[in-house]
Amino acid sequence: AAKLGLLQEDVAVNAITGSTGAGQKPG
């Protein structure tokens, strides 16, 4: 979309990640 020059207004992004994204150290 950026290549097409379409990012002219604010882009809403939602993303969900698994627990391994927080690393191995428990928290």
mmCIF file of all heavy atoms, coordinates in Angstrom:
data_MODEL
# 
_entry.id   MODEL 
# 
loop_
_atom_site.group_PDB 
_atom_site.id 
_atom_site.type_symbol 
_atom_site.label_atom_id 
_atom_site.label_alt_id 
_atom_site.label_comp_id 
_atom_site.label_asym_id 
_atom_site.label_entity_id 
_atom_site.label_seq_id 
_atom_site.pdbx_PDB_ins_code 
_atom_site.Cartn_x 
_atom_site.Cartn_y 
_atom_site.Cartn_z 
_atom_site.occupancy 
_atom_site.B_iso_or_equiv 
_atom_site.pdbx_formal_charge 
_atom_site.auth_seq_id 
_atom_site.auth_comp_id 
_atom_site.auth_asym_id 
_atom_site.auth_atom_id 
_atom_site.pdbx_PDB_model_num 
ATOM 1   N N   . ALA A 1 1  ? 0.833  -1.201  0.000  1.00 0.00 ? 1  ALA A N   1 
ATOM 2   C CA  . ALA A 1 1  ? 0.000  0.000   0.000  1.00 0.00 ? 1  ALA A CA  1 
ATOM 3   C C   . ALA A 1 1  ? 0.867  1.250   0.000  1.00 0.00 ? 1  ALA A C   1 
ATOM 4   O O   . ALA A 1 1  ? 0.550  2.249   -0.672 1.00 0.00 ? 1  ALA A O   1 
ATOM 5   C CB  . ALA A 1 1  ? -0.934 -0.002  1.204  1.00 0.00 ? 1  ALA A CB  1 
ATOM 6   N N   . ALA A 1 2  ? 1.970  1.221   0.746  1.00 0.00 ? 2  ALA A N   1 
ATOM 7   C CA  . ALA A 1 2  ? 2.902  2.341   0.740  1.00 0.00 ? 2  ALA A CA  1 
ATOM 8   C C   . ALA A 1 2  ? 3.507  2.539   -0.645 1.00 0.00 ? 2  ALA A C   1 
ATOM 9   O O   . ALA A 1 2  ? 3.681  3.676   -1.105 1.00 0.00 ? 2  ALA A O   1 
ATOM 10  C CB  . ALA A 1 2  ? 4.010  2.104   1.775  1.00 0.00 ? 2  ALA A CB  1 
ATOM 11  N N   . LYS A 1 3  ? 3.806  1.440   -1.317 1.00 0.00 ? 3  LYS A N   1 
ATOM 12  C CA  . LYS A 1 3  ? 4.349  1.522   -2.679 1.00 0.00 ? 3  LYS A CA  1 
ATOM 13  C C   . LYS A 1 3  ? 3.382  2.233   -3.610 1.00 0.00 ? 3  LYS A C   1 
ATOM 14  O O   . LYS A 1 3  ? 3.788  2.969   -4.519 1.00 0.00 ? 3  LYS A O   1 
ATOM 15  C CB  . LYS A 1 3  ? 4.645  0.110   -3.190 1.00 0.00 ? 3  LYS A CB  1 
ATOM 16  C CG  . LYS A 1 3  ? 5.295  0.047   -4.563 1.00 0.00 ? 3  LYS A CG  1 
ATOM 17  C CD  . LYS A 1 3  ? 6.733  0.536   -4.524 1.00 0.00 ? 3  LYS A CD  1 
ATOM 18  C CE  . LYS A 1 3  ? 7.433  0.305   -5.857 1.00 0.00 ? 3  LYS A CE  1 
ATOM 19  N NZ  . LYS A 1 3  ? 8.832  0.796   -5.832 1.00 0.00 ? 3  LYS A NZ  1 
ATOM 20  N N   . LEU A 1 4  ? 2.081  2.045   -3.376 1.00 0.00 ? 4  LEU A N   1 
ATOM 21  C CA  . LEU A 1 4  ? 1.051  2.719   -4.163 1.00 0.00 ? 4  LEU A CA  1 
ATOM 22  C C   . LEU A 1 4  ? 0.789  4.143   -3.688 1.00 0.00 ? 4  LEU A C   1 
ATOM 23  O O   . LEU A 1 4  ? 0.004  4.875   -4.303 1.00 0.00 ? 4  LEU A O   1 
ATOM 24  C CB  . LEU A 1 4  ? -0.253 1.924   -4.098 1.00 0.00 ? 4  LEU A CB  1 
ATOM 25  C CG  . LEU A 1 4  ? -0.312 0.597   -4.855 1.00 0.00 ? 4  LEU A CG  1 
ATOM 26  C CD1 . LEU A 1 4  ? -1.616 -0.129  -4.536 1.00 0.00 ? 4  LEU A CD1 1 
ATOM 27  C CD2 . LEU A 1 4  ? -0.169 0.807   -6.357 1.00 0.00 ? 4  LEU A CD2 1 
ATOM 28  N N   . GLY A 1 5  ? 1.410  4.541   -2.572 1.00 0.00 ? 5  GLY A N   1 
ATOM 29  C CA  . GLY A 1 5  ? 1.189  5.867   -2.020 1.00 0.00 ? 5  GLY A CA  1 
ATOM 30  C C   . GLY A 1 5  ? -0.148 6.026   -1.336 1.00 0.00 ? 5  GLY A C   1 
ATOM 31  O O   . GLY A 1 5  ? -0.686 7.130   -1.229 1.00 0.00 ? 5  GLY A O   1 
ATOM 32  N N   . LEU A 1 6  ? -0.693 4.925   -0.787 1.00 0.00 ? 6  LEU A N   1 
ATOM 33  C CA  . LEU A 1 6  ? -2.043 4.947   -0.226 1.00 0.00 ? 6  LEU A CA  1 
ATOM 34  C C   . LEU A 1 6  ? -2.107 5.357   1.240  1.00 0.00 ? 6  LEU A C   1 
ATOM 35  O O   . LEU A 1 6  ? -3.197 5.610   1.761  1.00 0.00 ? 6  LEU A O   1 
ATOM 36  C CB  . LEU A 1 6  ? -2.691 3.556   -0.369 1.00 0.00 ? 6  LEU A CB  1 
ATOM 37  C CG  . LEU A 1 6  ? -2.863 3.010   -1.789 1.00 0.00 ? 6  LEU A CG  1 
ATOM 38  C CD1 . LEU A 1 6  ? -3.588 1.678   -1.741 1.00 0.00 ? 6  LEU A CD1 1 
ATOM 39  C CD2 . LEU A 1 6  ? -3.596 4.004   -2.674 1.00 0.00 ? 6  LEU A CD2 1 
ATOM 40  N N   . LEU A 1 7  ? -0.967 5.439   1.912  1.00 0.00 ? 7  LEU A N   1 
ATOM 41  C CA  . LEU A 1 7  ? -0.988 5.707   3.358  1.00 0.00 ? 7  LEU A CA  1 
ATOM 42  C C   . LEU A 1 7  ? -0.984 7.210   3.601  1.00 0.00 ? 7  LEU A C   1 
ATOM 43  O O   . LEU A 1 7  ? -0.004 7.796   4.075  1.00 0.00 ? 7  LEU A O   1 
ATOM 44  C CB  . LEU A 1 7  ? 0.199  5.022   4.043  1.00 0.00 ? 7  LEU A CB  1 
ATOM 45  C CG  . LEU A 1 7  ? 0.346  3.522   3.788  1.00 0.00 ? 7  LEU A CG  1 
ATOM 46  C CD1 . LEU A 1 7  ? 1.510  2.962   4.590  1.00 0.00 ? 7  LEU A CD1 1 
ATOM 47  C CD2 . LEU A 1 7  ? -0.935 2.777   4.087  1.00 0.00 ? 7  LEU A CD2 1 
ATOM 48  N N   . GLN A 1 8  ? -2.104 7.832   3.277  1.00 0.00 ? 8  GLN A N   1 
ATOM 49  C CA  . GLN A 1 8  ? -2.240 9.277   3.397  1.00 0.00 ? 8  GLN A CA  1 
ATOM 50  C C   . GLN A 1 8  ? -3.067 9.685   4.607  1.00 0.00 ? 8  GLN A C   1 
ATOM 51  O O   . GLN A 1 8  ? -3.026 10.834  5.018  1.00 0.00 ? 8  GLN A O   1 
ATOM 52  C CB  . GLN A 1 8  ? -2.868 9.837   2.118  1.00 0.00 ? 8  GLN A CB  1 
ATOM 53  C CG  . GLN A 1 8  ? -2.063 9.555   0.866  1.00 0.00 ? 8  GLN A CG  1 
ATOM 54  C CD  . GLN A 1 8  ? -0.646 10.103  0.935  1.00 0.00 ? 8  GLN A CD  1 
ATOM 55  O OE1 . GLN A 1 8  ? -0.407 11.201  1.459  1.00 0.00 ? 8  GLN A OE1 1 
ATOM 56  N NE2 . GLN A 1 8  ? 0.316  9.335   0.425  1.00 0.00 ? 8  GLN A NE2 1 
ATOM 57  N N   . GLU A 1 9  ? -3.841 8.745   5.144  1.00 0.00 ? 9  GLU A N   1 
ATOM 58  C CA  . GLU A 1 9  ? -4.615 8.989   6.360  1.00 0.00 ? 9  GLU A CA  1 
ATOM 59  C C   . GLU A 1 9  ? -4.198 7.979   7.419  1.00 0.00 ? 9  GLU A C   1 
ATOM 60  O O   . GLU A 1 9  ? -3.603 6.946   7.121  1.00 0.00 ? 9  GLU A O   1 
ATOM 61  C CB  . GLU A 1 9  ? -6.116 8.882   6.080  1.00 0.00 ? 9  GLU A CB  1 
ATOM 62  C CG  . GLU A 1 9  ? -6.635 9.919   5.092  1.00 0.00 ? 9  GLU A CG  1 
ATOM 63  C CD  . GLU A 1 9  ? -8.144 9.891   5.002  1.00 0.00 ? 9  GLU A CD  1 
ATOM 64  O OE1 . GLU A 1 9  ? -8.810 9.994   6.056  1.00 0.00 ? 9  GLU A OE1 1 
ATOM 65  O OE2 . GLU A 1 9  ? -8.660 9.761   3.879  1.00 0.00 ? 9  GLU A OE2 1 
ATOM 66  N N   . ASP A 1 10 ? -4.531 8.293   8.689  1.00 0.00 ? 10 ASP A N   1 
ATOM 67  C CA  . ASP A 1 10 ? -4.118 7.433   9.793  1.00 0.00 ? 10 ASP A CA  1 
ATOM 68  C C   . ASP A 1 10 ? -4.574 5.994   9.570  1.00 0.00 ? 10 ASP A C   1 
ATOM 69  O O   . ASP A 1 10 ? -5.699 5.745   9.119  1.00 0.00 ? 10 ASP A O   1 
ATOM 70  C CB  . ASP A 1 10 ? -4.681 7.948   11.111 1.00 0.00 ? 10 ASP A CB  1 
ATOM 71  C CG  . ASP A 1 10 ? -4.089 9.305   11.491 1.00 0.00 ? 10 ASP A CG  1 
ATOM 72  O OD1 . ASP A 1 10 ? -3.162 9.763   10.800 1.00 0.00 ? 10 ASP A OD1 1 
ATOM 73  O OD2 . ASP A 1 10 ? -4.565 9.900   12.470 1.00 0.00 ? 10 ASP A OD2 1 
ATOM 74  N N   . VAL A 1 11 ? -3.693 5.050   9.891  1.00 0.00 ? 11 VAL A N   1 
ATOM 75  C CA  . VAL A 1 11 ? -3.957 3.628   9.705  1.00 0.00 ? 11 VAL A CA  1 
ATOM 76  C C   . VAL A 1 11 ? -4.188 2.990   11.069 1.00 0.00 ? 11 VAL A C   1 
ATOM 77  O O   . VAL A 1 11 ? -3.358 3.123   11.977 1.00 0.00 ? 11 VAL A O   1 
ATOM 78  C CB  . VAL A 1 11 ? -2.772 2.932   8.994  1.00 0.00 ? 11 VAL A CB  1 
ATOM 79  C CG1 . VAL A 1 11 ? -3.053 1.441   8.823  1.00 0.00 ? 11 VAL A CG1 1 
ATOM 80  C CG2 . VAL A 1 11 ? -2.495 3.595   7.646  1.00 0.00 ? 11 VAL A CG2 1 
ATOM 81  N N   . ALA A 1 12 ? -5.322 2.310   11.224 1.00 0.00 ? 12 ALA A N   1 
ATOM 82  C CA  . ALA A 1 12 ? -5.636 1.612   12.472 1.00 0.00 ? 12 ALA A CA  1 
ATOM 83  C C   . ALA A 1 12 ? -5.128 0.182   12.390 1.00 0.00 ? 12 ALA A C   1 
ATOM 84  O O   . ALA A 1 12 ? -5.488 -0.559  11.464 1.00 0.00 ? 12 ALA A O   1 
ATOM 85  C CB  . ALA A 1 12 ? -7.136 1.626   12.721 1.00 0.00 ? 12 ALA A CB  1 
ATOM 86  N N   . VAL A 1 13 ? -4.286 -0.198  13.344 1.00 0.00 ? 13 VAL A N   1 
ATOM 87  C CA  . VAL A 1 13 ? -3.685 -1.530  13.351 1.00 0.00 ? 13 VAL A CA  1 
ATOM 88  C C   . VAL A 1 13 ? -3.954 -2.199  14.692 1.00 0.00 ? 13 VAL A C   1 
ATOM 89  O O   . VAL A 1 13 ? -3.677 -1.630  15.747 1.00 0.00 ? 13 VAL A O   1 
ATOM 90  C CB  . VAL A 1 13 ? -2.164 -1.464  13.112 1.00 0.00 ? 13 VAL A CB  1 
ATOM 91  C CG1 . VAL A 1 13 ? -1.555 -2.864  13.150 1.00 0.00 ? 13 VAL A CG1 1 
ATOM 92  C CG2 . VAL A 1 13 ? -1.848 -0.785  11.781 1.00 0.00 ? 13 VAL A CG2 1 
ATOM 93  N N   . ASN A 1 14 ? -4.489 -3.412  14.647 1.00 0.00 ? 14 ASN A N   1 
ATOM 94  C CA  . ASN A 1 14 ? -4.646 -4.244  15.834 1.00 0.00 ? 14 ASN A CA  1 
ATOM 95  C C   . ASN A 1 14 ? -3.937 -5.566  15.577 1.00 0.00 ? 14 ASN A C   1 
ATOM 96  O O   . ASN A 1 14 ? -4.125 -6.168  14.508 1.00 0.00 ? 14 ASN A O   1 
ATOM 97  C CB  . ASN A 1 14 ? -6.118 -4.514  16.144 1.00 0.00 ? 14 ASN A CB  1 
ATOM 98  C CG  . ASN A 1 14 ? -6.861 -3.261  16.578 1.00 0.00 ? 14 ASN A CG  1 
ATOM 99  O OD1 . ASN A 1 14 ? -6.857 -2.905  17.741 1.00 0.00 ? 14 ASN A OD1 1 
ATOM 100 N ND2 . ASN A 1 14 ? -7.491 -2.589  15.630 1.00 0.00 ? 14 ASN A ND2 1 
ATOM 101 N N   . ALA A 1 15 ? -3.133 -6.016  16.538 1.00 0.00 ? 15 ALA A N   1 
ATOM 102 C CA  . ALA A 1 15 ? -2.422 -7.280  16.355 1.00 0.00 ? 15 ALA A CA  1 
ATOM 103 C C   . ALA A 1 15 ? -2.315 -8.006  17.682 1.00 0.00 ? 15 ALA A C   1 
ATOM 104 O O   . ALA A 1 15 ? -2.046 -7.391  18.719 1.00 0.00 ? 15 ALA A O   1 
ATOM 105 C CB  . ALA A 1 15 ? -1.032 -7.036  15.767 1.00 0.00 ? 15 ALA A CB  1 
ATOM 106 N N   . ILE A 1 16 ? -2.509 -9.304  17.619 1.00 0.00 ? 16 ILE A N   1 
ATOM 107 C CA  . ILE A 1 16 ? -2.469 -10.139 18.815 1.00 0.00 ? 16 ILE A CA  1 
ATOM 108 C C   . ILE A 1 16 ? -1.323 -11.130 18.697 1.00 0.00 ? 16 ILE A C   1 
ATOM 109 O O   . ILE A 1 16 ? -1.102 -11.715 17.633 1.00 0.00 ? 16 ILE A O   1 
ATOM 110 C CB  . ILE A 1 16 ? -3.821 -10.859 19.026 1.00 0.00 ? 16 ILE A CB  1 
ATOM 111 C CG1 . ILE A 1 16 ? -3.826 -11.631 20.341 1.00 0.00 ? 16 ILE A CG1 1 
ATOM 112 C CG2 . ILE A 1 16 ? -4.186 -11.754 17.845 1.00 0.00 ? 16 ILE A CG2 1 
ATOM 113 C CD1 . ILE A 1 16 ? -5.216 -12.121 20.735 1.00 0.00 ? 16 ILE A CD1 1 
ATOM 114 N N   . THR A 1 17 ? -0.572 -11.297 19.785 1.00 0.00 ? 17 THR A N   1 
ATOM 115 C CA  . THR A 1 17 ? 0.594  -12.174 19.763 1.00 0.00 ? 17 THR A CA  1 
ATOM 116 C C   . THR A 1 17 ? 0.509  -13.232 20.851 1.00 0.00 ? 17 THR A C   1 
ATOM 117 O O   . THR A 1 17 ? -0.136 -13.044 21.886 1.00 0.00 ? 17 THR A O   1 
ATOM 118 C CB  . THR A 1 17 ? 1.899  -11.365 19.953 1.00 0.00 ? 17 THR A CB  1 
ATOM 119 O OG1 . THR A 1 17 ? 3.033  -12.228 19.781 1.00 0.00 ? 17 THR A OG1 1 
ATOM 120 C CG2 . THR A 1 17 ? 1.960  -10.732 21.323 1.00 0.00 ? 17 THR A CG2 1 
ATOM 121 N N   . GLY A 1 18 ? 1.185  -14.345 20.614 1.00 0.00 ? 18 GLY A N   1 
ATOM 122 C CA  . GLY A 1 18 ? 1.245  -15.422 21.587 1.00 0.00 ? 18 GLY A CA  1 
ATOM 123 C C   . GLY A 1 18 ? 2.200  -15.118 22.726 1.00 0.00 ? 18 GLY A C   1 
ATOM 124 O O   . GLY A 1 18 ? 3.006  -14.182 22.669 1.00 0.00 ? 18 GLY A O   1 
ATOM 125 N N   . SER A 1 19 ? 2.159  -15.936 23.755 1.00 0.00 ? 19 SER A N   1 
ATOM 126 C CA  . SER A 1 19 ? 2.922  -15.683 24.976 1.00 0.00 ? 19 SER A CA  1 
ATOM 127 C C   . SER A 1 19 ? 4.430  -15.789 24.763 1.00 0.00 ? 19 SER A C   1 
ATOM 128 O O   . SER A 1 19 ? 5.203  -15.178 25.510 1.00 0.00 ? 19 SER A O   1 
ATOM 129 C CB  . SER A 1 19 ? 2.489  -16.648 26.082 1.00 0.00 ? 19 SER A CB  1 
ATOM 130 O OG  . SER A 1 19 ? 2.662  -17.994 25.674 1.00 0.00 ? 19 SER A OG  1 
ATOM 131 N N   . THR A 1 20 ? 4.884  -16.546 23.748 1.00 0.00 ? 20 THR A N   1 
ATOM 132 C CA  . THR A 1 20 ? 6.327  -16.649 23.503 1.00 0.00 ? 20 THR A CA  1 
ATOM 133 C C   . THR A 1 20 ? 6.919  -15.315 23.069 1.00 0.00 ? 20 THR A C   1 
ATOM 134 O O   . THR A 1 20 ? 8.128  -15.119 23.161 1.00 0.00 ? 20 THR A O   1 
ATOM 135 C CB  . THR A 1 20 ? 6.625  -17.709 22.433 1.00 0.00 ? 20 THR A CB  1 
ATOM 136 O OG1 . THR A 1 20 ? 5.846  -17.430 21.262 1.00 0.00 ? 20 THR A OG1 1 
ATOM 137 C CG2 . THR A 1 20 ? 6.307  -19.101 22.947 1.00 0.00 ? 20 THR A CG2 1 
ATOM 138 N N   . GLY A 1 21 ? 6.070  -14.386 22.620 1.00 0.00 ? 21 GLY A N   1 
ATOM 139 C CA  . GLY A 1 21 ? 6.557  -13.066 22.259 1.00 0.00 ? 21 GLY A CA  1 
ATOM 140 C C   . GLY A 1 21 ? 7.116  -12.296 23.439 1.00 0.00 ? 21 GLY A C   1 
ATOM 141 O O   . GLY A 1 21 ? 7.862  -11.329 23.265 1.00 0.00 ? 21 GLY A O   1 
ATOM 142 N N   . ALA A 1 22 ? 6.771  -12.713 24.646 1.00 0.00 ? 22 ALA A N   1 
ATOM 143 C CA  . ALA A 1 22 ? 7.261  -12.037 25.852 1.00 0.00 ? 22 ALA A CA  1 
ATOM 144 C C   . ALA A 1 22 ? 8.577  -12.628 26.356 1.00 0.00 ? 22 ALA A C   1 
ATOM 145 O O   . ALA A 1 22 ? 9.106  -12.174 27.370 1.00 0.00 ? 22 ALA A O   1 
ATOM 146 C CB  . ALA A 1 22 ? 6.210  -12.120 26.957 1.00 0.00 ? 22 ALA A CB  1 
ATOM 147 N N   . GLY A 1 23 ? 9.109  -13.640 25.663 1.00 0.00 ? 23 GLY A N   1 
ATOM 148 C CA  . GLY A 1 23 ? 10.368 -14.237 26.084 1.00 0.00 ? 23 GLY A CA  1 
ATOM 149 C C   . GLY A 1 23 ? 10.179 -15.358 27.092 1.00 0.00 ? 23 GLY A C   1 
ATOM 150 O O   . GLY A 1 23 ? 9.084  -15.609 27.596 1.00 0.00 ? 23 GLY A O   1 
ATOM 151 N N   . GLN A 1 24 ? 11.293 -16.038 27.409 1.00 0.00 ? 24 GLN A N   1 
ATOM 152 C CA  . GLN A 1 24 ? 11.236 -17.234 28.249 1.00 0.00 ? 24 GLN A CA  1 
ATOM 153 C C   . GLN A 1 24 ? 11.178 -16.935 29.738 1.00 0.00 ? 24 GLN A C   1 
ATOM 154 O O   . GLN A 1 24 ? 10.663 -17.727 30.525 1.00 0.00 ? 24 GLN A O   1 
ATOM 155 C CB  . GLN A 1 24 ? 12.451 -18.123 27.952 1.00 0.00 ? 24 GLN A CB  1 
ATOM 156 C CG  . GLN A 1 24 ? 12.341 -19.522 28.538 1.00 0.00 ? 24 GLN A CG  1 
ATOM 157 C CD  . GLN A 1 24 ? 13.434 -20.435 28.032 1.00 0.00 ? 24 GLN A CD  1 
ATOM 158 O OE1 . GLN A 1 24 ? 14.520 -19.982 27.674 1.00 0.00 ? 24 GLN A OE1 1 
ATOM 159 N NE2 . GLN A 1 24 ? 13.165 -21.717 27.979 1.00 0.00 ? 24 GLN A NE2 1 
ATOM 160 N N   . LYS A 1 25 ? 11.694 -15.765 30.133 1.00 0.00 ? 25 LYS A N   1 
ATOM 161 C CA  . LYS A 1 25 ? 11.694 -15.429 31.554 1.00 0.00 ? 25 LYS A CA  1 
ATOM 162 C C   . LYS A 1 25 ? 10.263 -15.234 32.046 1.00 0.00 ? 25 LYS A C   1 
ATOM 163 O O   . LYS A 1 25 ? 9.515  -14.439 31.494 1.00 0.00 ? 25 LYS A O   1 
ATOM 164 C CB  . LYS A 1 25 ? 12.508 -14.156 31.800 1.00 0.00 ? 25 LYS A CB  1 
ATOM 165 C CG  . LYS A 1 25 ? 12.682 -13.815 33.275 1.00 0.00 ? 25 LYS A CG  1 
ATOM 166 C CD  . LYS A 1 25 ? 13.556 -12.579 33.453 1.00 0.00 ? 25 LYS A CD  1 
ATOM 167 C CE  . LYS A 1 25 ? 13.735 -12.234 34.917 1.00 0.00 ? 25 LYS A CE  1 
ATOM 168 N NZ  . LYS A 1 25 ? 14.596 -11.034 35.104 1.00 0.00 ? 25 LYS A NZ  1 
ATOM 169 N N   . PRO A 1 26 ? 9.830  -15.959 33.068 1.00 0.00 ? 26 PRO A N   1 
ATOM 170 C CA  . PRO A 1 26 ? 8.438  -15.864 33.542 1.00 0.00 ? 26 PRO A CA  1 
ATOM 171 C C   . PRO A 1 26 ? 8.091  -14.457 34.024 1.00 0.00 ? 26 PRO A C   1 
ATOM 172 O O   . PRO A 1 26 ? 8.927  -13.741 34.564 1.00 0.00 ? 26 PRO A O   1 
ATOM 173 C CB  . PRO A 1 26 ? 8.384  -16.869 34.709 1.00 0.00 ? 26 PRO A CB  1 
ATOM 174 C CG  . PRO A 1 26 ? 9.537  -17.796 34.482 1.00 0.00 ? 26 PRO A CG  1 
ATOM 175 C CD  . PRO A 1 26 ? 10.605 -16.958 33.841 1.00 0.00 ? 26 PRO A CD  1 
ATOM 176 N N   . GLY A 1 27 ? 6.847  -14.098 33.812 1.00 0.00 ? 27 GLY A N   1 
ATOM 177 C CA  . GLY A 1 27 ? 6.359  -12.803 34.283 1.00 0.00 ? 27 GLY A CA  1 
ATOM 178 C C   . GLY A 1 27 ? 4.877  -12.886 34.573 1.00 0.00 ? 27 GLY A C   1 
ATOM 179 O O   . GLY A 1 27 ? 4.211  -13.877 34.241 1.00 0.00 ? 27 GLY A O   1 
# 
